[in-house]
Every structure is written in C-alpha cells, then in structure tokens.
Amino acid sequence: MATQKPIYHQCYMVKDEGPLRPRKFTTSFLPAKFAKVGLTVKLRGEDGWVVHKVGDPVEGRPNYRKMIKGHRKNTGDDTPKVLEEE
C-alpha cells in the first residue's frame, strides 16, 4: 500500500503589529489543515499571522531549490555572467 503525500496550499498571510507599525505580508506553503482563511497561525516562532488567501492544493512538500532552479533555467538566468573587460 502506497503512502499518500500530504496536501499543501500556498497561502498569502498578513500580520498586523499595531497602529503605529506597518503590516507585514508573506506567502508560504501550509498543510491543508492550517490553510483556512481567517485562521491565525505561527510561522517560524512568530504568532499572529492571519491566512488571507488560500491557493490551489499541491501534493507533497514543495521543493524550493528545484522550483528556483527551474525558474532560472526557463528565464535564462542560469547562464554564466560574462564580465566585460575595460
């Protein structure tokens, strides 16, 4: 029997730090049970992040290195930089 990969959602979150401080915004992949609009979550030890928008489901934990490498390859950013000599 194959194990099922957990489902994650890319979520846009907002943190309000008070009337005199600006709001903070971030995007992160959250497990499906935490990806609910209006839910307050803790990210990297910081309480108070409110899920504002929830994206489409993704099976398994996203591999950021692979995603960044693929993006650079598709956009031509992975080519070596040539320094011009004076």
PDB file of N, CA and C in Angstrom:
ATOM      1  N   MET A   1       0.834  -1.174   0.000  1.00  0.00           N
ATOM      2  CA  MET A   1       0.000   0.000   0.000  1.00  0.00           C
ATOM      3  C   MET A   1       0.884   1.244   0.000  1.00  0.00           C
ATOM      4  N   ALA A   2       0.678   2.136  -0.959  1.00  0.00           N
ATOM      5  CA  ALA A   2       1.492   3.347  -1.079  1.00  0.00           C
ATOM      6  C   ALA A   2       1.011   4.398  -0.082  1.00  0.00           C
ATOM      7  N   THR A   3       1.975   5.100   0.481  1.00  0.00           N
ATOM      8  CA  THR A   3       1.605   6.169   1.400  1.00  0.00           C
ATOM      9  C   THR A   3       1.217   7.405   0.601  1.00  0.00           C
ATOM     10  N   GLN A   4       0.199   8.075   1.060  1.00  0.00           N
ATOM     11  CA  GLN A   4      -0.287   9.262   0.369  1.00  0.00           C
ATOM     12  C   GLN A   4       0.521  10.476   0.826  1.00  0.00           C
ATOM     13  N   LYS A   5       0.936  11.299  -0.139  1.00  0.00           N
ATOM     14  CA  LYS A   5       1.672  12.505   0.204  1.00  0.00           C
ATOM     15  C   LYS A   5       0.706  13.528   0.794  1.00  0.00           C
ATOM     16  N   PRO A   6       1.169  14.299   1.790  1.00  0.00           N
ATOM     17  CA  PRO A   6       0.281  15.307   2.377  1.00  0.00           C
ATOM     18  C   PRO A   6      -0.026  16.425   1.373  1.00  0.00           C
ATOM     19  N   ILE A   7      -1.160  17.066   1.567  1.00  0.00           N
ATOM     20  CA  ILE A   7      -1.583  18.151   0.688  1.00  0.00           C
ATOM     21  C   ILE A   7      -1.204  19.484   1.328  1.00  0.00           C
ATOM     22  N   TYR A   8      -0.588  20.368   0.535  1.00  0.00           N
ATOM     23  CA  TYR A   8      -0.217  21.711   0.972  1.00  0.00           C
ATOM     24  C   TYR A   8      -0.936  22.737   0.110  1.00  0.00           C
ATOM     25  N   HIS A   9      -1.091  23.941   0.646  1.00  0.00           N
ATOM     26  CA  HIS A   9      -1.665  25.057  -0.097  1.00  0.00           C
ATOM     27  C   HIS A   9      -0.720  26.251   0.046  1.00  0.00           C
ATOM     28  N   GLN A  10      -0.551  27.004  -1.036  1.00  0.00           N
ATOM     29  CA  GLN A  10       0.222  28.232  -0.937  1.00  0.00           C
ATOM     30  C   GLN A  10      -0.717  29.295  -0.376  1.00  0.00           C
ATOM     31  N   CYS A  11      -0.336  29.899   0.742  1.00  0.00           N
ATOM     32  CA  CYS A  11      -1.204  30.849   1.432  1.00  0.00           C
ATOM     33  C   CYS A  11      -0.547  32.223   1.521  1.00  0.00           C
ATOM     34  N   TYR A  12      -1.361  33.251   1.344  1.00  0.00           N
ATOM     35  CA  TYR A  12      -0.941  34.638   1.498  1.00  0.00           C
ATOM     36  C   TYR A  12      -1.389  35.058   2.885  1.00  0.00           C
ATOM     37  N   MET A  13      -0.448  35.541   3.700  1.00  0.00           N
ATOM     38  CA  MET A  13      -0.756  35.857   5.087  1.00  0.00           C
ATOM     39  C   MET A  13      -0.388  37.280   5.441  1.00  0.00           C
ATOM     40  N   VAL A  14      -1.115  37.823   6.419  1.00  0.00           N
ATOM     41  CA  VAL A  14      -0.936  39.199   6.879  1.00  0.00           C
ATOM     42  C   VAL A  14      -0.737  39.176   8.383  1.00  0.00           C
ATOM     43  N   LYS A  15       0.168  40.058   8.849  1.00  0.00           N
ATOM     44  CA  LYS A  15       0.366  40.201  10.292  1.00  0.00           C
ATOM     45  C   LYS A  15       0.282  41.679  10.632  1.00  0.00           C
ATOM     46  N   ASP A  16      -0.650  42.009  11.517  1.00  0.00           N
ATOM     47  CA  ASP A  16      -0.846  43.392  11.948  1.00  0.00           C
ATOM     48  C   ASP A  16      -0.132  43.556  13.284  1.00  0.00           C
ATOM     49  N   GLU A  17       0.839  44.463  13.337  1.00  0.00           N
ATOM     50  CA  GLU A  17       1.652  44.598  14.545  1.00  0.00           C
ATOM     51  C   GLU A  17       1.241  45.765  15.431  1.00  0.00           C
ATOM     52  N   GLY A  18       0.160  46.437  15.116  1.00  0.00           N
ATOM     53  CA  GLY A  18      -0.293  47.544  15.943  1.00  0.00           C
ATOM     54  C   GLY A  18      -0.534  48.793  15.117  1.00  0.00           C
ATOM     55  N   PRO A  19      -1.112  49.824  15.736  1.00  0.00           N
ATOM     56  CA  PRO A  19      -1.500  51.013  14.985  1.00  0.00           C
ATOM     57  C   PRO A  19      -0.332  51.841  14.447  1.00  0.00           C
ATOM     58  N   LEU A  20       0.800  51.802  15.079  1.00  0.00           N
ATOM     59  CA  LEU A  20       1.934  52.637  14.654  1.00  0.00           C
ATOM     60  C   LEU A  20       2.976  51.879  13.835  1.00  0.00           C
ATOM     61  N   ARG A  21       2.739  50.612  13.597  1.00  0.00           N
ATOM     62  CA  ARG A  21       3.700  49.805  12.834  1.00  0.00           C
ATOM     63  C   ARG A  21       3.035  49.306  11.556  1.00  0.00           C
ATOM     64  N   PRO A  22       3.802  49.228  10.481  1.00  0.00           N
ATOM     65  CA  PRO A  22       3.203  48.750   9.222  1.00  0.00           C
ATOM     66  C   PRO A  22       2.862  47.263   9.279  1.00  0.00           C
ATOM     67  N   ARG A  23       1.922  46.869   8.433  1.00  0.00           N
ATOM     68  CA  ARG A  23       1.560  45.452   8.323  1.00  0.00           C
ATOM     69  C   ARG A  23       2.683  44.687   7.656  1.00  0.00           C
ATOM     70  N   LYS A  24       2.787  43.402   8.002  1.00  0.00           N
ATOM     71  CA  LYS A  24       3.733  42.507   7.339  1.00  0.00           C
ATOM     72  C   LYS A  24       2.939  41.560   6.451  1.00  0.00           C
ATOM     73  N   PHE A  25       3.522  41.183   5.318  1.00  0.00           N
ATOM     74  CA  PHE A  25       2.897  40.253   4.387  1.00  0.00           C
ATOM     75  C   PHE A  25       3.879  39.149   4.055  1.00  0.00           C
ATOM     76  N   THR A  26       3.391  37.938   3.850  1.00  0.00           N
ATOM     77  CA  THR A  26       4.253  36.837   3.431  1.00  0.00           C
ATOM     78  C   THR A  26       3.415  35.769   2.720  1.00  0.00           C
ATOM     79  N   THR A  27       4.113  34.920   1.992  1.00  0.00           N
ATOM     80  CA  THR A  27       3.490  33.792   1.316  1.00  0.00           C
ATOM     81  C   THR A  27       4.236  32.535   1.749  1.00  0.00           C
ATOM     82  N   SER A  28       3.491  31.475   2.047  1.00  0.00           N
ATOM     83  CA  SER A  28       4.115  30.242   2.498  1.00  0.00           C
ATOM     84  C   SER A  28       3.213  29.059   2.168  1.00  0.00           C
ATOM     85  N   PHE A  29       3.816  27.877   2.026  1.00  0.00           N
ATOM     86  CA  PHE A  29       3.033  26.653   1.841  1.00  0.00           C
ATOM     87  C   PHE A  29       2.671  26.118   3.218  1.00  0.00           C
ATOM     88  N   LEU A  30       1.380  25.890   3.426  1.00  0.00           N
ATOM     89  CA  LEU A  30       0.891  25.357   4.700  1.00  0.00           C
ATOM     90  C   LEU A  30       0.188  24.027   4.468  1.00  0.00           C
ATOM     91  N   PRO A  31       0.255  23.112   5.441  1.00  0.00           N
ATOM     92  CA  PRO A  31      -0.525  21.879   5.334  1.00  0.00           C
ATOM     93  C   PRO A  31      -2.015  22.227   5.243  1.00  0.00           C
ATOM     94  N   ALA A  32      -2.776  21.366   4.582  1.00  0.00           N
ATOM     95  CA  ALA A  32      -4.193  21.625   4.320  1.00  0.00           C
ATOM     96  C   ALA A  32      -4.988  21.941   5.585  1.00  0.00           C
ATOM     97  N   LYS A  33      -4.661  21.307   6.704  1.00  0.00           N
ATOM     98  CA  LYS A  33      -5.455  21.542   7.920  1.00  0.00           C
ATOM     99  C   LYS A  33      -5.276  22.958   8.477  1.00  0.00           C
ATOM    100  N   PHE A  34      -4.187  23.653   8.093  1.00  0.00           N
ATOM    101  CA  PHE A  34      -3.956  25.029   8.543  1.00  0.00           C
ATOM    102  C   PHE A  34      -4.307  26.062   7.475  1.00  0.00           C
ATOM    103  N   ALA A  35      -4.585  25.628   6.265  1.00  0.00           N
ATOM    104  CA  ALA A  35      -4.847  26.541   5.145  1.00  0.00           C
ATOM    105  C   ALA A  35      -6.325  26.909   5.084  1.00  0.00           C
ATOM    106  N   LYS A  36      -6.752  27.720   6.041  1.00  0.00           N
ATOM    107  CA  LYS A  36      -8.140  28.162   6.101  1.00  0.00           C
ATOM    108  C   LYS A  36      -8.156  29.680   6.300  1.00  0.00           C
ATOM    109  N   VAL A  37      -8.906  30.382   5.439  1.00  0.00           N
ATOM    110  CA  VAL A  37      -8.982  31.838   5.505  1.00  0.00           C
ATOM    111  C   VAL A  37      -9.480  32.265   6.884  1.00  0.00           C
ATOM    112  N   GLY A  38      -8.757  33.226   7.471  1.00  0.00           N
ATOM    113  CA  GLY A  38      -9.124  33.741   8.788  1.00  0.00           C
ATOM    114  C   GLY A  38      -8.427  33.052   9.945  1.00  0.00           C
ATOM    115  N   LEU A  39      -7.790  31.921   9.696  1.00  0.00           N
ATOM    116  CA  LEU A  39      -7.104  31.183  10.759  1.00  0.00           C
ATOM    117  C   LEU A  39      -5.793  31.883  11.107  1.00  0.00           C
ATOM    118  N   THR A  40      -5.493  32.014  12.386  1.00  0.00           N
ATOM    119  CA  THR A  40      -4.244  32.609  12.840  1.00  0.00           C
ATOM    120  C   THR A  40      -3.240  31.489  13.088  1.00  0.00           C
ATOM    121  N   VAL A  41      -2.056  31.618  12.477  1.00  0.00           N
ATOM    122  CA  VAL A  41      -1.030  30.584  12.587  1.00  0.00           C
ATOM    123  C   VAL A  41       0.280  31.173  13.097  1.00  0.00           C
ATOM    124  N   LYS A  42       1.182  30.282  13.488  1.00  0.00           N
ATOM    125  CA  LYS A  42       2.503  30.656  13.975  1.00  0.00           C
ATOM    126  C   LYS A  42       3.524  30.243  12.914  1.00  0.00           C
ATOM    127  N   LEU A  43       4.315  31.202  12.430  1.00  0.00           N
ATOM    128  CA  LEU A  43       5.351  30.918  11.440  1.00  0.00           C
ATOM    129  C   LEU A  43       6.721  31.219  12.019  1.00  0.00           C
ATOM    130  N   ARG A  44       7.606  30.237  11.991  1.00  0.00           N
ATOM    131  CA  ARG A  44       8.974  30.401  12.470  1.00  0.00           C
ATOM    132  C   ARG A  44       9.043  31.118  13.820  1.00  0.00           C
ATOM    133  N   GLY A  45       8.172  30.715  14.722  1.00  0.00           N
ATOM    134  CA  GLY A  45       8.195  31.265  16.073  1.00  0.00           C
ATOM    135  C   GLY A  45       7.442  32.575  16.246  1.00  0.00           C
ATOM    136  N   GLU A  46       6.861  33.120  15.186  1.00  0.00           N
ATOM    137  CA  GLU A  46       6.110  34.375  15.272  1.00  0.00           C
ATOM    138  C   GLU A  46       4.615  34.093  15.249  1.00  0.00           C
ATOM    139  N   ASP A  47       3.923  34.451  16.313  1.00  0.00           N
ATOM    140  CA  ASP A  47       2.468  34.313  16.362  1.00  0.00           C
ATOM    141  C   ASP A  47       1.811  35.464  15.616  1.00  0.00           C
ATOM    142  N   GLY A  48       0.546  35.282  15.260  1.00  0.00           N
ATOM    143  CA  GLY A  48      -0.237  36.384  14.739  1.00  0.00           C
ATOM    144  C   GLY A  48      -0.384  36.478  13.237  1.00  0.00           C
ATOM    145  N   TRP A  49       0.087  35.492  12.472  1.00  0.00           N
ATOM    146  CA  TRP A  49      -0.077  35.518  11.017  1.00  0.00           C
ATOM    147  C   TRP A  49      -1.482  35.036  10.686  1.00  0.00           C
ATOM    148  N   VAL A  50      -2.253  35.860   9.987  1.00  0.00           N
ATOM    149  CA  VAL A  50      -3.632  35.522   9.626  1.00  0.00           C
ATOM    150  C   VAL A  50      -3.668  35.129   8.148  1.00  0.00           C
ATOM    151  N   VAL A  51      -4.210  33.949   7.869  1.00  0.00           N
ATOM    152  CA  VAL A  51      -4.324  33.473   6.488  1.00  0.00           C
ATOM    153  C   VAL A  51      -5.367  34.340   5.776  1.00  0.00           C
ATOM    154  N   HIS A  52      -4.928  35.018   4.709  1.00  0.00           N
ATOM    155  CA  HIS A  52      -5.785  35.953   3.979  1.00  0.00           C
ATOM    156  C   HIS A  52      -6.336  35.329   2.692  1.00  0.00           C
ATOM    157  N   LYS A  53      -5.487  34.573   1.979  1.00  0.00           N
ATOM    158  CA  LYS A  53      -5.908  33.889   0.755  1.00  0.00           C
ATOM    159  C   LYS A  53      -5.284  32.501   0.733  1.00  0.00           C
ATOM    160  N   VAL A  54      -6.006  31.547   0.153  1.00  0.00           N
ATOM    161  CA  VAL A  54      -5.519  30.162   0.051  1.00  0.00           C
ATOM    162  C   VAL A  54      -5.495  29.771  -1.414  1.00  0.00           C
ATOM    163  N   GLY A  55      -4.345  29.260  -1.865  1.00  0.00           N
ATOM    164  CA  GLY A  55      -4.188  28.849  -3.260  1.00  0.00           C
ATOM    165  C   GLY A  55      -4.607  27.406  -3.502  1.00  0.00           C
ATOM    166  N   ASP A  56      -4.350  26.945  -4.708  1.00  0.00           N
ATOM    167  CA  ASP A  56      -4.696  25.585  -5.106  1.00  0.00           C
ATOM    168  C   ASP A  56      -3.868  24.558  -4.335  1.00  0.00           C
ATOM    169  N   PRO A  57      -4.405  23.350  -4.165  1.00  0.00           N
ATOM    170  CA  PRO A  57      -3.663  22.307  -3.452  1.00  0.00           C
ATOM    171  C   PRO A  57      -2.485  21.767  -4.262  1.00  0.00           C
ATOM    172  N   VAL A  58      -1.430  21.408  -3.543  1.00  0.00           N
ATOM    173  CA  VAL A  58      -0.225  20.815  -4.135  1.00  0.00           C
ATOM    174  C   VAL A  58       0.051  19.536  -3.374  1.00  0.00           C
ATOM    175  N   GLU A  59       0.300  18.440  -4.080  1.00  0.00           N
ATOM    176  CA  GLU A  59       0.571  17.166  -3.415  1.00  0.00           C
ATOM    177  C   GLU A  59       2.036  17.102  -3.015  1.00  0.00           C
ATOM    178  N   GLY A  60       2.291  16.846  -1.762  1.00  0.00           N
ATOM    179  CA  GLY A  60       3.656  16.742  -1.267  1.00  0.00           C
ATOM    180  C   GLY A  60       4.250  18.102  -0.946  1.00  0.00           C
ATOM    181  N   ARG A  61       5.329  18.059  -0.209  1.00  0.00           N
ATOM    182  CA  ARG A  61       6.007  19.292   0.190  1.00  0.00           C
ATOM    183  C   ARG A  61       6.779  19.859  -0.991  1.00  0.00           C
ATOM    184  N   PRO A  62       6.590  21.141  -1.322  1.00  0.00           N
ATOM    185  CA  PRO A  62       7.277  21.744  -2.466  1.00  0.00           C
ATOM    186  C   PRO A  62       8.791  21.785  -2.264  1.00  0.00           C
ATOM    187  N   ASN A  63       9.528  21.528  -3.345  1.00  0.00           N
ATOM    188  CA  ASN A  63      10.983  21.576  -3.316  1.00  0.00           C
ATOM    189  C   ASN A  63      11.414  22.934  -3.866  1.00  0.00           C
ATOM    190  N   TYR A  64      11.723  23.863  -2.962  1.00  0.00           N
ATOM    191  CA  TYR A  64      12.037  25.230  -3.366  1.00  0.00           C
ATOM    192  C   TYR A  64      13.274  25.308  -4.258  1.00  0.00           C
ATOM    193  N   ARG A  65      14.290  24.536  -3.930  1.00  0.00           N
ATOM    194  CA  ARG A  65      15.516  24.575  -4.741  1.00  0.00           C
ATOM    195  C   ARG A  65      15.237  24.170  -6.180  1.00  0.00           C
ATOM    196  N   LYS A  66      14.439  23.130  -6.342  1.00  0.00           N
ATOM    197  CA  LYS A  66      14.086  22.662  -7.679  1.00  0.00           C
ATOM    198  C   LYS A  66      13.244  23.710  -8.415  1.00  0.00           C
ATOM    199  N   MET A  67      12.317  24.353  -7.707  1.00  0.00           N
ATOM    200  CA  MET A  67      11.477  25.378  -8.314  1.00  0.00           C
ATOM    201  C   MET A  67      12.303  26.582  -8.766  1.00  0.00           C
ATOM    202  N   ILE A  68      13.226  27.031  -7.923  1.00  0.00           N
ATOM    203  CA  ILE A  68      14.063  28.186  -8.255  1.00  0.00           C
ATOM    204  C   ILE A  68      14.981  27.855  -9.416  1.00  0.00           C
ATOM    205  N   LYS A  69      15.573  26.663  -9.380  1.00  0.00           N
ATOM    206  CA  LYS A  69      16.458  26.242 -10.462  1.00  0.00           C
ATOM    207  C   LYS A  69      15.699  26.171 -11.794  1.00  0.00           C
ATOM    208  N   GLY A  70      14.478  25.627 -11.771  1.00  0.00           N
ATOM    209  CA  GLY A  70      13.658  25.556 -12.971  1.00  0.00           C
ATOM    210  C   GLY A  70      13.292  26.933 -13.493  1.00  0.00           C
ATOM    211  N   HIS A  71      12.984  27.849 -12.582  1.00  0.00           N
ATOM    212  CA  HIS A  71      12.644  29.213 -12.990  1.00  0.00           C
ATOM    213  C   HIS A  71      13.840  29.894 -13.659  1.00  0.00           C
ATOM    214  N   ARG A  72      15.010  29.743 -13.046  1.00  0.00           N
ATOM    215  CA  ARG A  72      16.209  30.363 -13.619  1.00  0.00           C
ATOM    216  C   ARG A  72      16.539  29.782 -14.990  1.00  0.00           C
ATOM    217  N   LYS A  73      16.338  28.482 -15.136  1.00  0.00           N
ATOM    218  CA  LYS A  73      16.604  27.828 -16.413  1.00  0.00           C
ATOM    219  C   LYS A  73      15.627  28.319 -17.484  1.00  0.00           C
ATOM    220  N   ASN A  74      14.362  28.469 -17.127  1.00  0.00           N
ATOM    221  CA  ASN A  74      13.343  28.918 -18.075  1.00  0.00           C
ATOM    222  C   ASN A  74      13.501  30.377 -18.475  1.00  0.00           C
ATOM    223  N   THR A  75      14.040  31.200 -17.595  1.00  0.00           N
ATOM    224  CA  THR A  75      14.171  32.626 -17.878  1.00  0.00           C
ATOM    225  C   THR A  75      15.551  33.004 -18.399  1.00  0.00           C
ATOM    226  N   GLY A  76      16.471  32.053 -18.441  1.00  0.00           N
ATOM    227  CA  GLY A  76      17.824  32.347 -18.932  1.00  0.00           C
ATOM    228  C   GLY A  76      18.739  32.911 -17.869  1.00  0.00           C
ATOM    229  N   ASP A  77      18.292  32.906 -16.623  1.00  0.00           N
ATOM    230  CA  ASP A  77      19.109  33.432 -15.526  1.00  0.00           C
ATOM    231  C   ASP A  77      20.206  32.468 -15.090  1.00  0.00           C
ATOM    232  N   ASP A  78      20.205  31.247 -15.604  1.00  0.00           N
ATOM    233  CA  ASP A  78      21.208  30.270 -15.174  1.00  0.00           C
ATOM    234  C   ASP A  78      22.472  30.323 -16.023  1.00  0.00           C
ATOM    235  N   THR A  79      22.473  31.150 -17.065  1.00  0.00           N
ATOM    236  CA  THR A  79      23.662  31.243 -17.915  1.00  0.00           C
ATOM    237  C   THR A  79      24.753  32.006 -17.184  1.00  0.00           C
ATOM    238  N   PRO A  80      26.001  31.602 -17.368  1.00  0.00           N
ATOM    239  CA  PRO A  80      27.093  32.297 -16.685  1.00  0.00           C
ATOM    240  C   PRO A  80      27.170  33.756 -17.133  1.00  0.00           C
ATOM    241  N   LYS A  81      27.473  34.618 -16.200  1.00  0.00           N
ATOM    242  CA  LYS A  81      27.591  36.038 -16.486  1.00  0.00           C
ATOM    243  C   LYS A  81      28.980  36.310 -17.071  1.00  0.00           C
ATOM    244  N   VAL A  82      29.009  37.092 -18.144  1.00  0.00           N
ATOM    245  CA  VAL A  82      30.277  37.450 -18.783  1.00  0.00           C
ATOM    246  C   VAL A  82      30.616  38.863 -18.357  1.00  0.00           C
ATOM    247  N   LEU A  83      31.786  39.012 -17.747  1.00  0.00           N
ATOM    248  CA  LEU A  83      32.230  40.325 -17.315  1.00  0.00           C
ATOM    249  C   LEU A  83      32.966  41.008 -18.471  1.00  0.00           C
ATOM    250  N   GLU A  84      32.571  42.220 -18.739  1.00  0.00           N
ATOM    251  CA  GLU A  84      33.223  42.968 -19.820  1.00  0.00           C
ATOM    252  C   GLU A  84      34.525  43.549 -19.298  1.00  0.00           C
ATOM    253  N   GLU A  85      35.555  43.431 -20.109  1.00  0.00           N
ATOM    254  CA  GLU A  85      36.838  43.996 -19.723  1.00  0.00           C
ATOM    255  C   GLU A  85      36.926  45.420 -20.254  1.00  0.00           C
ATOM    256  N   GLU A  86      37.587  46.271 -19.493  1.00  0.00           N
ATOM    257  CA  GLU A  86      37.718  47.666 -19.905  1.00  0.00           C
ATOM    258  C   GLU A  86      38.914  47.867 -20.781  1.00  0.00           C
TER     259      GLU A  86
END
